[in-house]
Amino acid sequence: MAGKNDNATIGAIMLIAGGIIGAGLSLLYAPQSGVKTRRQLTRYAKKVRNEAEEAIRDTAESISDMMEDLTEKTTDLLDQGGEVAEDWRKHMLDALDRGQKGLEKQRKRLSQFWE
């Protein structure tokens, strides 16, 4: 049992040592200095932030335009609905007036019939 634990320990130590050696070699062969890399990262971060802000502005503008269009269309529909309602009101009043005249006419006929 002790042999298996020793092998696992040795394997773990070799893995850690390999990682440290690899990190050291990568720093030795890095194509540019850390200062230059940080500057590049800073520039890239600013560029990404500016693009994100622009995308947000464009999206907000698009939403604003859609809201204006929706408001105009809603207003137009309400105006049309008001016109349709007014037309129906006139038709209903005309129909009621014709019905009332028809009832008056029938009343006169019946009163003549009963007299």
PDB file of N, CA and C in Angstrom:
ATOM      1  N   MET A   1       0.813  -1.184   0.000  1.00  0.00           N
ATOM      2  CA  MET A   1       0.000   0.000   0.000  1.00  0.00           C
ATOM      3  C   MET A   1       0.856   1.246   0.000  1.00  0.00           C
ATOM      4  N   ALA A   2       1.929   1.182   0.731  1.00  0.00           N
ATOM      5  CA  ALA A   2       2.802   2.348   0.828  1.00  0.00           C
ATOM      6  C   ALA A   2       3.388   2.683  -0.531  1.00  0.00           C
ATOM      7  N   GLY A   3       3.604   1.699  -1.397  1.00  0.00           N
ATOM      8  CA  GLY A   3       4.173   1.922  -2.723  1.00  0.00           C
ATOM      9  C   GLY A   3       3.243   2.741  -3.612  1.00  0.00           C
ATOM     10  N   LYS A   4       1.942   2.474  -3.503  1.00  0.00           N
ATOM     11  CA  LYS A   4       0.969   3.214  -4.304  1.00  0.00           C
ATOM     12  C   LYS A   4       0.924   4.674  -3.883  1.00  0.00           C
ATOM     13  N   ASN A   5       0.944   4.939  -2.590  1.00  0.00           N
ATOM     14  CA  ASN A   5       0.923   6.324  -2.099  1.00  0.00           C
ATOM     15  C   ASN A   5       2.183   7.067  -2.520  1.00  0.00           C
ATOM     16  N   ASP A   6       3.321   6.361  -2.481  1.00  0.00           N
ATOM     17  CA  ASP A   6       4.587   6.986  -2.882  1.00  0.00           C
ATOM     18  C   ASP A   6       4.551   7.344  -4.370  1.00  0.00           C
ATOM     19  N   ASN A   7       4.021   6.449  -5.180  1.00  0.00           N
ATOM     20  CA  ASN A   7       3.929   6.716  -6.618  1.00  0.00           C
ATOM     21  C   ASN A   7       3.028   7.923  -6.898  1.00  0.00           C
ATOM     22  N   ALA A   8       1.903   8.027  -6.175  1.00  0.00           N
ATOM     23  CA  ALA A   8       0.988   9.149  -6.348  1.00  0.00           C
ATOM     24  C   ALA A   8       1.643  10.448  -5.926  1.00  0.00           C
ATOM     25  N   THR A   9       2.413  10.407  -4.843  1.00  0.00           N
ATOM     26  CA  THR A   9       3.098  11.604  -4.356  1.00  0.00           C
ATOM     27  C   THR A   9       4.160  12.049  -5.361  1.00  0.00           C
ATOM     28  N   ILE A  10       4.924  11.083  -5.846  1.00  0.00           N
ATOM     29  CA  ILE A  10       5.968  11.401  -6.823  1.00  0.00           C
ATOM     30  C   ILE A  10       5.333  11.980  -8.101  1.00  0.00           C
ATOM     31  N   GLY A  11       4.219  11.399  -8.529  1.00  0.00           N
ATOM     32  CA  GLY A  11       3.514  11.895  -9.724  1.00  0.00           C
ATOM     33  C   GLY A  11       3.032  13.323  -9.528  1.00  0.00           C
ATOM     34  N   ALA A  12       2.481  13.611  -8.350  1.00  0.00           N
ATOM     35  CA  ALA A  12       1.987  14.961  -8.067  1.00  0.00           C
ATOM     36  C   ALA A  12       3.131  15.967  -8.038  1.00  0.00           C
ATOM     37  N   ILE A  13       4.252  15.579  -7.438  1.00  0.00           N
ATOM     38  CA  ILE A  13       5.416  16.474  -7.378  1.00  0.00           C
ATOM     39  C   ILE A  13       5.951  16.739  -8.781  1.00  0.00           C
ATOM     40  N   MET A  14       6.002  15.710  -9.623  1.00  0.00           N
ATOM     41  CA  MET A  14       6.485  15.887 -10.987  1.00  0.00           C
ATOM     42  C   MET A  14       5.543  16.791 -11.791  1.00  0.00           C
ATOM     43  N   LEU A  15       4.259  16.646 -11.575  1.00  0.00           N
ATOM     44  CA  LEU A  15       3.275  17.492 -12.262  1.00  0.00           C
ATOM     45  C   LEU A  15       3.459  18.953 -11.874  1.00  0.00           C
ATOM     46  N   ILE A  16       3.610  19.229 -10.586  1.00  0.00           N
ATOM     47  CA  ILE A  16       3.809  20.594 -10.104  1.00  0.00           C
ATOM     48  C   ILE A  16       5.126  21.152 -10.629  1.00  0.00           C
ATOM     49  N   ALA A  17       6.174  20.337 -10.587  1.00  0.00           N
ATOM     50  CA  ALA A  17       7.481  20.785 -11.079  1.00  0.00           C
ATOM     51  C   ALA A  17       7.413  21.088 -12.570  1.00  0.00           C
ATOM     52  N   GLY A  18       6.728  20.279 -13.319  1.00  0.00           N
ATOM     53  CA  GLY A  18       6.571  20.516 -14.764  1.00  0.00           C
ATOM     54  C   GLY A  18       5.838  21.823 -15.038  1.00  0.00           C
ATOM     55  N   GLY A  19       4.812  22.095 -14.247  1.00  0.00           N
ATOM     56  CA  GLY A  19       4.075  23.354 -14.393  1.00  0.00           C
ATOM     57  C   GLY A  19       4.955  24.550 -14.113  1.00  0.00           C
ATOM     58  N   ILE A  20       5.764  24.470 -13.061  1.00  0.00           N
ATOM     59  CA  ILE A  20       6.656  25.587 -12.703  1.00  0.00           C
ATOM     60  C   ILE A  20       7.711  25.784 -13.791  1.00  0.00           C
ATOM     61  N   ILE A  21       8.302  24.692 -14.278  1.00  0.00           N
ATOM     62  CA  ILE A  21       9.311  24.791 -15.335  1.00  0.00           C
ATOM     63  C   ILE A  21       8.685  25.366 -16.613  1.00  0.00           C
ATOM     64  N   GLY A  22       7.496  24.918 -16.959  1.00  0.00           N
ATOM     65  CA  GLY A  22       6.803  25.433 -18.152  1.00  0.00           C
ATOM     66  C   GLY A  22       6.501  26.913 -18.037  1.00  0.00           C
ATOM     67  N   ALA A  23       6.050  27.363 -16.884  1.00  0.00           N
ATOM     68  CA  ALA A  23       5.757  28.781 -16.679  1.00  0.00           C
ATOM     69  C   ALA A  23       7.028  29.610 -16.790  1.00  0.00           C
ATOM     70  N   GLY A  24       8.112  29.106 -16.232  1.00  0.00           N
ATOM     71  CA  GLY A  24       9.387  29.821 -16.311  1.00  0.00           C
ATOM     72  C   GLY A  24       9.872  29.934 -17.738  1.00  0.00           C
ATOM     73  N   LEU A  25       9.795  28.850 -18.501  1.00  0.00           N
ATOM     74  CA  LEU A  25      10.222  28.879 -19.894  1.00  0.00           C
ATOM     75  C   LEU A  25       9.356  29.824 -20.729  1.00  0.00           C
ATOM     76  N   SER A  26       8.054  29.839 -20.453  1.00  0.00           N
ATOM     77  CA  SER A  26       7.172  30.733 -21.211  1.00  0.00           C
ATOM     78  C   SER A  26       7.509  32.194 -20.934  1.00  0.00           C
ATOM     79  N   LEU A  27       7.917  32.524 -19.715  1.00  0.00           N
ATOM     80  CA  LEU A  27       8.330  33.898 -19.417  1.00  0.00           C
ATOM     81  C   LEU A  27       9.651  34.246 -20.110  1.00  0.00           C
ATOM     82  N   LEU A  28      10.557  33.280 -20.191  1.00  0.00           N
ATOM     83  CA  LEU A  28      11.836  33.512 -20.866  1.00  0.00           C
ATOM     84  C   LEU A  28      11.663  33.741 -22.367  1.00  0.00           C
ATOM     85  N   TYR A  29      10.733  33.053 -22.961  1.00  0.00           N
ATOM     86  CA  TYR A  29      10.533  33.142 -24.402  1.00  0.00           C
ATOM     87  C   TYR A  29       9.336  34.009 -24.797  1.00  0.00           C
ATOM     88  N   ALA A  30       8.813  34.799 -23.903  1.00  0.00           N
ATOM     89  CA  ALA A  30       7.677  35.669 -24.211  1.00  0.00           C
ATOM     90  C   ALA A  30       8.100  36.685 -25.269  1.00  0.00           C
ATOM     91  N   PRO A  31       7.234  36.964 -26.266  1.00  0.00           N
ATOM     92  CA  PRO A  31       7.618  37.848 -27.359  1.00  0.00           C
ATOM     93  C   PRO A  31       7.689  39.324 -26.971  1.00  0.00           C
ATOM     94  N   GLN A  32       7.140  39.707 -25.845  1.00  0.00           N
ATOM     95  CA  GLN A  32       7.162  41.110 -25.446  1.00  0.00           C
ATOM     96  C   GLN A  32       7.187  41.220 -23.928  1.00  0.00           C
ATOM     97  N   SER A  33       7.454  42.436 -23.457  1.00  0.00           N
ATOM     98  CA  SER A  33       7.569  42.644 -22.016  1.00  0.00           C
ATOM     99  C   SER A  33       6.191  42.681 -21.363  1.00  0.00           C
ATOM    100  N   GLY A  34       6.187  42.546 -20.060  1.00  0.00           N
ATOM    101  CA  GLY A  34       4.934  42.599 -19.312  1.00  0.00           C
ATOM    102  C   GLY A  34       4.280  43.963 -19.404  1.00  0.00           C
ATOM    103  N   VAL A  35       5.091  45.021 -19.423  1.00  0.00           N
ATOM    104  CA  VAL A  35       4.549  46.381 -19.530  1.00  0.00           C
ATOM    105  C   VAL A  35       3.816  46.537 -20.851  1.00  0.00           C
ATOM    106  N   LYS A  36       4.438  46.055 -21.924  1.00  0.00           N
ATOM    107  CA  LYS A  36       3.813  46.154 -23.243  1.00  0.00           C
ATOM    108  C   LYS A  36       2.530  45.325 -23.296  1.00  0.00           C
ATOM    109  N   THR A  37       2.560  44.155 -22.710  1.00  0.00           N
ATOM    110  CA  THR A  37       1.374  43.299 -22.681  1.00  0.00           C
ATOM    111  C   THR A  37       0.251  43.967 -21.905  1.00  0.00           C
ATOM    112  N   ARG A  38       0.572  44.580 -20.762  1.00  0.00           N
ATOM    113  CA  ARG A  38      -0.452  45.275 -19.969  1.00  0.00           C
ATOM    114  C   ARG A  38      -1.043  46.438 -20.758  1.00  0.00           C
ATOM    115  N   ARG A  39      -0.177  47.180 -21.496  1.00  0.00           N
ATOM    116  CA  ARG A  39      -0.680  48.283 -22.323  1.00  0.00           C
ATOM    117  C   ARG A  39      -1.639  47.758 -23.395  1.00  0.00           C
ATOM    118  N   GLN A  40      -1.252  46.665 -24.026  1.00  0.00           N
ATOM    119  CA  GLN A  40      -2.123  46.076 -25.044  1.00  0.00           C
ATOM    120  C   GLN A  40      -3.454  45.642 -24.439  1.00  0.00           C
ATOM    121  N   LEU A  41      -3.396  45.020 -23.287  1.00  0.00           N
ATOM    122  CA  LEU A  41      -4.633  44.587 -22.617  1.00  0.00           C
ATOM    123  C   LEU A  41      -5.499  45.786 -22.256  1.00  0.00           C
ATOM    124  N   THR A  42      -4.864  46.863 -21.792  1.00  0.00           N
ATOM    125  CA  THR A  42      -5.603  48.076 -21.435  1.00  0.00           C
ATOM    126  C   THR A  42      -6.272  48.663 -22.673  1.00  0.00           C
ATOM    127  N   ARG A  43      -5.515  48.757 -23.788  1.00  0.00           N
ATOM    128  CA  ARG A  43      -6.088  49.281 -25.033  1.00  0.00           C
ATOM    129  C   ARG A  43      -7.245  48.408 -25.505  1.00  0.00           C
ATOM    130  N   TYR A  44      -7.041  47.094 -25.432  1.00  0.00           N
ATOM    131  CA  TYR A  44      -8.091  46.178 -25.866  1.00  0.00           C
ATOM    132  C   TYR A  44      -9.332  46.325 -24.988  1.00  0.00           C
ATOM    133  N   ALA A  45      -9.133  46.460 -23.687  1.00  0.00           N
ATOM    134  CA  ALA A  45     -10.265  46.624 -22.763  1.00  0.00           C
ATOM    135  C   ALA A  45     -11.024  47.917 -23.069  1.00  0.00           C
ATOM    136  N   LYS A  46     -10.277  49.007 -23.346  1.00  0.00           N
ATOM    137  CA  LYS A  46     -10.932  50.276 -23.690  1.00  0.00           C
ATOM    138  C   LYS A  46     -11.707  50.152 -24.994  1.00  0.00           C
ATOM    139  N   LYS A  47     -11.096  49.462 -25.968  1.00  0.00           N
ATOM    140  CA  LYS A  47     -11.774  49.273 -27.256  1.00  0.00           C
ATOM    141  C   LYS A  47     -13.074  48.486 -27.076  1.00  0.00           C
ATOM    142  N   VAL A  48     -13.004  47.412 -26.299  1.00  0.00           N
ATOM    143  CA  VAL A  48     -14.200  46.601 -26.049  1.00  0.00           C
ATOM    144  C   VAL A  48     -15.257  47.424 -25.317  1.00  0.00           C
ATOM    145  N   ARG A  49     -14.820  48.240 -24.324  1.00  0.00           N
ATOM    146  CA  ARG A  49     -15.766  49.079 -23.579  1.00  0.00           C
ATOM    147  C   ARG A  49     -16.428  50.088 -24.514  1.00  0.00           C
ATOM    148  N   ASN A  50     -15.640  50.740 -25.394  1.00  0.00           N
ATOM    149  CA  ASN A  50     -16.198  51.715 -26.329  1.00  0.00           C
ATOM    150  C   ASN A  50     -17.189  51.071 -27.285  1.00  0.00           C
ATOM    151  N   GLU A  51     -16.841  49.881 -27.780  1.00  0.00           N
ATOM    152  CA  GLU A  51     -17.761  49.172 -28.677  1.00  0.00           C
ATOM    153  C   GLU A  51     -19.040  48.780 -27.945  1.00  0.00           C
ATOM    154  N   ALA A  52     -18.924  48.361 -26.703  1.00  0.00           N
ATOM    155  CA  ALA A  52     -20.111  47.995 -25.914  1.00  0.00           C
ATOM    156  C   ALA A  52     -20.981  49.221 -25.663  1.00  0.00           C
ATOM    157  N   GLU A  53     -20.351  50.359 -25.338  1.00  0.00           N
ATOM    158  CA  GLU A  53     -21.118  51.586 -25.115  1.00  0.00           C
ATOM    159  C   GLU A  53     -21.832  52.020 -26.392  1.00  0.00           C
ATOM    160  N   GLU A  54     -21.138  51.888 -27.535  1.00  0.00           N
ATOM    161  CA  GLU A  54     -21.755  52.242 -28.810  1.00  0.00           C
ATOM    162  C   GLU A  54     -22.932  51.329 -29.122  1.00  0.00           C
ATOM    163  N   ALA A  55     -22.760  50.046 -28.859  1.00  0.00           N
ATOM    164  CA  ALA A  55     -23.852  49.084 -29.085  1.00  0.00           C
ATOM    165  C   ALA A  55     -25.046  49.411 -28.192  1.00  0.00           C
ATOM    166  N   ILE A  56     -24.770  49.812 -26.952  1.00  0.00           N
ATOM    167  CA  ILE A  56     -25.851  50.175 -26.029  1.00  0.00           C
ATOM    168  C   ILE A  56     -26.571  51.425 -26.535  1.00  0.00           C
ATOM    169  N   ARG A  57     -25.792  52.426 -26.994  1.00  0.00           N
ATOM    170  CA  ARG A  57     -26.413  53.646 -27.533  1.00  0.00           C
ATOM    171  C   ARG A  57     -27.269  53.330 -28.753  1.00  0.00           C
ATOM    172  N   ASP A  58     -26.743  52.488 -29.657  1.00  0.00           N
ATOM    173  CA  ASP A  58     -27.501  52.118 -30.851  1.00  0.00           C
ATOM    174  C   ASP A  58     -28.787  51.389 -30.485  1.00  0.00           C
ATOM    175  N   THR A  59     -28.692  50.485 -29.516  1.00  0.00           N
ATOM    176  CA  THR A  59     -29.869  49.738 -29.081  1.00  0.00           C
ATOM    177  C   THR A  59     -30.895  50.672 -28.446  1.00  0.00           C
ATOM    178  N   ALA A  60     -30.427  51.593 -27.606  1.00  0.00           N
ATOM    179  CA  ALA A  60     -31.348  52.545 -26.973  1.00  0.00           C
ATOM    180  C   ALA A  60     -32.015  53.423 -28.019  1.00  0.00           C
ATOM    181  N   GLU A  61     -31.257  53.835 -29.025  1.00  0.00           N
ATOM    182  CA  GLU A  61     -31.818  54.666 -30.092  1.00  0.00           C
ATOM    183  C   GLU A  61     -32.855  53.880 -30.896  1.00  0.00           C
ATOM    184  N   SER A  62     -32.548  52.626 -31.183  1.00  0.00           N
ATOM    185  CA  SER A  62     -33.494  51.784 -31.922  1.00  0.00           C
ATOM    186  C   SER A  62     -34.786  51.591 -31.129  1.00  0.00           C
ATOM    187  N   ILE A  63     -34.648  51.360 -29.836  1.00  0.00           N
ATOM    188  CA  ILE A  63     -35.834  51.191 -28.987  1.00  0.00           C
ATOM    189  C   ILE A  63     -36.640  52.479 -28.947  1.00  0.00           C
ATOM    190  N   SER A  64     -35.952  53.613 -28.855  1.00  0.00           N
ATOM    191  CA  SER A  64     -36.637  54.905 -28.840  1.00  0.00           C
ATOM    192  C   SER A  64     -37.403  55.120 -30.145  1.00  0.00           C
ATOM    193  N   ASP A  65     -36.758  54.790 -31.277  1.00  0.00           N
ATOM    194  CA  ASP A  65     -37.429  54.930 -32.574  1.00  0.00           C
ATOM    195  C   ASP A  65     -38.647  54.021 -32.668  1.00  0.00           C
ATOM    196  N   MET A  66     -38.500  52.782 -32.182  1.00  0.00           N
ATOM    197  CA  MET A  66     -39.639  51.862 -32.203  1.00  0.00           C
ATOM    198  C   MET A  66     -40.789  52.386 -31.343  1.00  0.00           C
ATOM    199  N   MET A  67     -40.461  52.963 -30.194  1.00  0.00           N
ATOM    200  CA  MET A  67     -41.497  53.497 -29.311  1.00  0.00           C
ATOM    201  C   MET A  67     -42.217  54.670 -29.986  1.00  0.00           C
ATOM    202  N   GLU A  68     -41.467  55.526 -30.687  1.00  0.00           N
ATOM    203  CA  GLU A  68     -42.099  56.638 -31.400  1.00  0.00           C
ATOM    204  C   GLU A  68     -43.031  56.120 -32.487  1.00  0.00           C
ATOM    205  N   ASP A  69     -42.561  55.121 -33.256  1.00  0.00           N
ATOM    206  CA  ASP A  69     -43.410  54.533 -34.300  1.00  0.00           C
ATOM    207  C   ASP A  69     -44.654  53.903 -33.701  1.00  0.00           C
ATOM    208  N   LEU A  70     -44.478  53.188 -32.609  1.00  0.00           N
ATOM    209  CA  LEU A  70     -45.613  52.539 -31.951  1.00  0.00           C
ATOM    210  C   LEU A  70     -46.605  53.580 -31.439  1.00  0.00           C
ATOM    211  N   THR A  71     -46.088  54.665 -30.891  1.00  0.00           N
ATOM    212  CA  THR A  71     -46.960  55.739 -30.401  1.00  0.00           C
ATOM    213  C   THR A  71     -47.760  56.343 -31.544  1.00  0.00           C
ATOM    214  N   GLU A  72     -47.087  56.612 -32.677  1.00  0.00           N
ATOM    215  CA  GLU A  72     -47.787  57.174 -33.834  1.00  0.00           C
ATOM    216  C   GLU A  72     -48.866  56.226 -34.342  1.00  0.00           C
ATOM    217  N   LYS A  73     -48.516  54.945 -34.465  1.00  0.00           N
ATOM    218  CA  LYS A  73     -49.480  53.968 -34.970  1.00  0.00           C
ATOM    219  C   LYS A  73     -50.656  53.815 -34.014  1.00  0.00           C
ATOM    220  N   THR A  74     -50.381  53.826 -32.722  1.00  0.00           N
ATOM    221  CA  THR A  74     -51.447  53.712 -31.731  1.00  0.00           C
ATOM    222  C   THR A  74     -52.376  54.919 -31.801  1.00  0.00           C
ATOM    223  N   THR A  75     -51.785  56.103 -31.942  1.00  0.00           N
ATOM    224  CA  THR A  75     -52.588  57.322 -32.063  1.00  0.00           C
ATOM    225  C   THR A  75     -53.459  57.264 -33.311  1.00  0.00           C
ATOM    226  N   ASP A  76     -52.863  56.817 -34.433  1.00  0.00           N
ATOM    227  CA  ASP A  76     -53.640  56.684 -35.670  1.00  0.00           C
ATOM    228  C   ASP A  76     -54.787  55.697 -35.502  1.00  0.00           C
ATOM    229  N   LEU A  77     -54.506  54.563 -34.847  1.00  0.00           N
ATOM    230  CA  LEU A  77     -55.563  53.565 -34.635  1.00  0.00           C
ATOM    231  C   LEU A  77     -56.677  54.104 -33.742  1.00  0.00           C
ATOM    232  N   LEU A  78     -56.280  54.850 -32.709  1.00  0.00           N
ATOM    233  CA  LEU A  78     -57.301  55.437 -31.835  1.00  0.00           C
ATOM    234  C   LEU A  78     -58.146  56.448 -32.587  1.00  0.00           C
ATOM    235  N   ASP A  79     -57.497  57.258 -33.438  1.00  0.00           N
ATOM    236  CA  ASP A  79     -58.254  58.221 -34.245  1.00  0.00           C
ATOM    237  C   ASP A  79     -59.218  57.505 -35.181  1.00  0.00           C
ATOM    238  N   GLN A  80     -58.715  56.447 -35.841  1.00  0.00           N
ATOM    239  CA  GLN A  80     -59.571  55.676 -36.741  1.00  0.00           C
ATOM    240  C   GLN A  80     -60.703  55.012 -35.962  1.00  0.00           C
ATOM    241  N   GLY A  81     -60.378  54.509 -34.783  1.00  0.00           N
ATOM    242  CA  GLY A  81     -61.407  53.886 -33.953  1.00  0.00           C
ATOM    243  C   GLY A  81     -62.473  54.887 -33.550  1.00  0.00           C
ATOM    244  N   GLY A  82     -62.040  56.119 -33.247  1.00  0.00           N
ATOM    245  CA  GLY A  82     -63.004  57.168 -32.903  1.00  0.00           C
ATOM    246  C   GLY A  82     -63.903  57.501 -34.089  1.00  0.00           C
ATOM    247  N   GLU A  83     -63.318  57.539 -35.283  1.00  0.00           N
ATOM    248  CA  GLU A  83     -64.110  57.813 -36.481  1.00  0.00           C
ATOM    249  C   GLU A  83     -65.108  56.689 -36.744  1.00  0.00           C
ATOM    250  N   VAL A  84     -64.647  55.453 -36.592  1.00  0.00           N
ATOM    251  CA  VAL A  84     -65.537  54.302 -36.801  1.00  0.00           C
ATOM    252  C   VAL A  84     -66.663  54.326 -35.774  1.00  0.00           C
ATOM    253  N   ALA A  85     -66.325  54.624 -34.521  1.00  0.00           N
ATOM    254  CA  ALA A  85     -67.346  54.679 -33.472  1.00  0.00           C
ATOM    255  C   ALA A  85     -68.367  55.779 -33.772  1.00  0.00           C
ATOM    256  N   GLU A  86     -67.885  56.920 -34.264  1.00  0.00           N
ATOM    257  CA  GLU A  86     -68.804  58.021 -34.609  1.00  0.00           C
ATOM    258  C   GLU A  86     -69.713  57.610 -35.759  1.00  0.00           C
ATOM    259  N   ASP A  87     -69.157  56.935 -36.764  1.00  0.00           N
ATOM    260  CA  ASP A  87     -69.979  56.447 -37.885  1.00  0.00           C
ATOM    261  C   ASP A  87     -71.041  55.467 -37.391  1.00  0.00           C
ATOM    262  N   TRP A  88     -70.655  54.532 -36.529  1.00  0.00           N
ATOM    263  CA  TRP A  88     -71.619  53.565 -36.002  1.00  0.00           C
ATOM    264  C   TRP A  88     -72.691  54.256 -35.165  1.00  0.00           C
ATOM    265  N   ARG A  89     -72.276  55.267 -34.401  1.00  0.00           N
ATOM    266  CA  ARG A  89     -73.251  56.008 -33.597  1.00  0.00           C
ATOM    267  C   ARG A  89     -74.294  56.668 -34.504  1.00  0.00           C
ATOM    268  N   LYS A  90     -73.822  57.268 -35.607  1.00  0.00           N
ATOM    269  CA  LYS A  90     -74.750  57.905 -36.558  1.00  0.00           C
ATOM    270  C   LYS A  90     -75.682  56.874 -37.175  1.00  0.00           C
ATOM    271  N   HIS A  91     -75.121  55.699 -37.559  1.00  0.00           N
ATOM    272  CA  HIS A  91     -75.954  54.642 -38.140  1.00  0.00           C
ATOM    273  C   HIS A  91     -76.998  54.153 -37.137  1.00  0.00           C
ATOM    274  N   MET A  92     -76.585  54.008 -35.888  1.00  0.00           N
ATOM    275  CA  MET A  92     -77.528  53.552 -34.860  1.00  0.00           C
ATOM    276  C   MET A  92     -78.635  54.584 -34.643  1.00  0.00           C
ATOM    277  N   LEU A  93     -78.264  55.845 -34.582  1.00  0.00           N
ATOM    278  CA  LEU A  93     -79.280  56.885 -34.398  1.00  0.00           C
ATOM    279  C   LEU A  93     -80.230  56.939 -35.586  1.00  0.00           C
ATOM    280  N   ASP A  94     -79.681  56.796 -36.799  1.00  0.00           N
ATOM    281  CA  ASP A  94     -80.545  56.766 -37.995  1.00  0.00           C
ATOM    282  C   ASP A  94     -81.491  55.563 -37.941  1.00  0.00           C
ATOM    283  N   ALA A  95     -80.953  54.397 -37.548  1.00  0.00           N
ATOM    284  CA  ALA A  95     -81.788  53.196 -37.469  1.00  0.00           C
ATOM    285  C   ALA A  95     -82.870  53.356 -36.409  1.00  0.00           C
ATOM    286  N   LEU A  96     -82.517  53.918 -35.270  1.00  0.00           N
ATOM    287  CA  LEU A  96     -83.525  54.151 -34.223  1.00  0.00           C
ATOM    288  C   LEU A  96     -84.585  55.144 -34.698  1.00  0.00           C
ATOM    289  N   ASP A  97     -84.158  56.167 -35.402  1.00  0.00           N
ATOM    290  CA  ASP A  97     -85.102  57.164 -35.925  1.00  0.00           C
ATOM    291  C   ASP A  97     -86.055  56.525 -36.937  1.00  0.00           C
ATOM    292  N   ARG A  98     -85.529  55.701 -37.845  1.00  0.00           N
ATOM    293  CA  ARG A  98     -86.378  55.004 -38.817  1.00  0.00           C
ATOM    294  C   ARG A  98     -87.339  54.049 -38.102  1.00  0.00           C
ATOM    295  N   GLY A  99     -86.808  53.358 -37.077  1.00  0.00           N
ATOM    296  CA  GLY A  99     -87.664  52.439 -36.326  1.00  0.00           C
ATOM    297  C   GLY A  99     -88.779  53.178 -35.605  1.00  0.00           C
ATOM    298  N   GLN A 100     -88.447  54.327 -35.047  1.00  0.00           N
ATOM    299  CA  GLN A 100     -89.458  55.126 -34.342  1.00  0.00           C
ATOM    300  C   GLN A 100     -90.512  55.632 -35.328  1.00  0.00           C
ATOM    301  N   LYS A 101     -90.098  56.074 -36.503  1.00  0.00           N
ATOM    302  CA  LYS A 101     -91.042  56.533 -37.529  1.00  0.00           C
ATOM    303  C   LYS A 101     -91.922  55.381 -37.993  1.00  0.00           C
ATOM    304  N   GLY A 102     -91.307  54.182 -38.128  1.00  0.00           N
ATOM    305  CA  GLY A 102     -92.088  53.012 -38.529  1.00  0.00           C
ATOM    306  C   GLY A 102     -93.109  52.650 -37.468  1.00  0.00           C
ATOM    307  N   LEU A 103     -92.723  52.719 -36.180  1.00  0.00           N
ATOM    308  CA  LEU A 103     -93.674  52.436 -35.101  1.00  0.00           C
ATOM    309  C   LEU A 103     -94.799  53.458 -35.078  1.00  0.00           C
ATOM    310  N   GLU A 104     -94.480  54.721 -35.293  1.00  0.00           N
ATOM    311  CA  GLU A 104     -95.498  55.774 -35.319  1.00  0.00           C
ATOM    312  C   GLU A 104     -96.482  55.534 -36.459  1.00  0.00           C
ATOM    313  N   LYS A 105     -95.955  55.117 -37.596  1.00  0.00           N
ATOM    314  CA  LYS A 105     -96.797  54.830 -38.751  1.00  0.00           C
ATOM    315  C   LYS A 105     -97.734  53.662 -38.457  1.00  0.00           C
ATOM    316  N   GLN A 106     -97.187  52.609 -37.829  1.00  0.00           N
ATOM    317  CA  GLN A 106     -98.009  51.446 -37.490  1.00  0.00           C
ATOM    318  C   GLN A 106     -99.060  51.804 -36.434  1.00  0.00           C
ATOM    319  N   ARG A 107     -98.711  52.669 -35.489  1.00  0.00           N
ATOM    320  CA  ARG A 107     -99.670  53.097 -34.461  1.00  0.00           C
ATOM    321  C   ARG A 107    -100.855  53.819 -35.110  1.00  0.00           C
ATOM    322  N   LYS A 108    -100.542  54.677 -36.080  1.00  0.00           N
ATOM    323  CA  LYS A 108    -101.617  55.402 -36.778  1.00  0.00           C
ATOM    324  C   LYS A 108    -102.519  54.428 -37.519  1.00  0.00           C
ATOM    325  N   ARG A 109    -101.944  53.445 -38.173  1.00  0.00           N
ATOM    326  CA  ARG A 109    -102.741  52.448 -38.898  1.00  0.00           C
ATOM    327  C   ARG A 109    -103.639  51.685 -37.942  1.00  0.00           C
ATOM    328  N   LEU A 110    -103.042  51.251 -36.807  1.00  0.00           N
ATOM    329  CA  LEU A 110    -103.851  50.495 -35.839  1.00  0.00           C
ATOM    330  C   LEU A 110    -104.949  51.354 -35.234  1.00  0.00           C
ATOM    331  N   SER A 111    -104.623  52.621 -34.969  1.00  0.00           N
ATOM    332  CA  SER A 111    -105.671  53.475 -34.383  1.00  0.00           C
ATOM    333  C   SER A 111    -106.789  53.705 -35.379  1.00  0.00           C
ATOM    334  N   GLN A 112    -106.465  53.765 -36.683  1.00  0.00           N
ATOM    335  CA  GLN A 112    -107.497  53.920 -37.707  1.00  0.00           C
ATOM    336  C   GLN A 112    -108.318  52.621 -37.796  1.00  0.00           C
ATOM    337  N   PHE A 113    -107.691  51.514 -37.641  1.00  0.00           N
ATOM    338  CA  PHE A 113    -108.352  50.226 -37.730  1.00  0.00           C
ATOM    339  C   PHE A 113    -109.323  50.032 -36.571  1.00  0.00           C
ATOM    340  N   TRP A 114    -108.996  50.466 -35.384  1.00  0.00           N
ATOM    341  CA  TRP A 114    -109.805  50.270 -34.198  1.00  0.00           C
ATOM    342  C   TRP A 114    -110.881  51.326 -34.064  1.00  0.00           C
ATOM    343  N   GLU A 115    -110.808  52.359 -34.815  1.00  0.00           N
ATOM    344  CA  GLU A 115    -111.805  53.412 -34.645  1.00  0.00           C
ATOM    345  C   GLU A 115    -113.069  53.140 -35.381  1.00  0.00           C
TER     346      GLU A 115
END
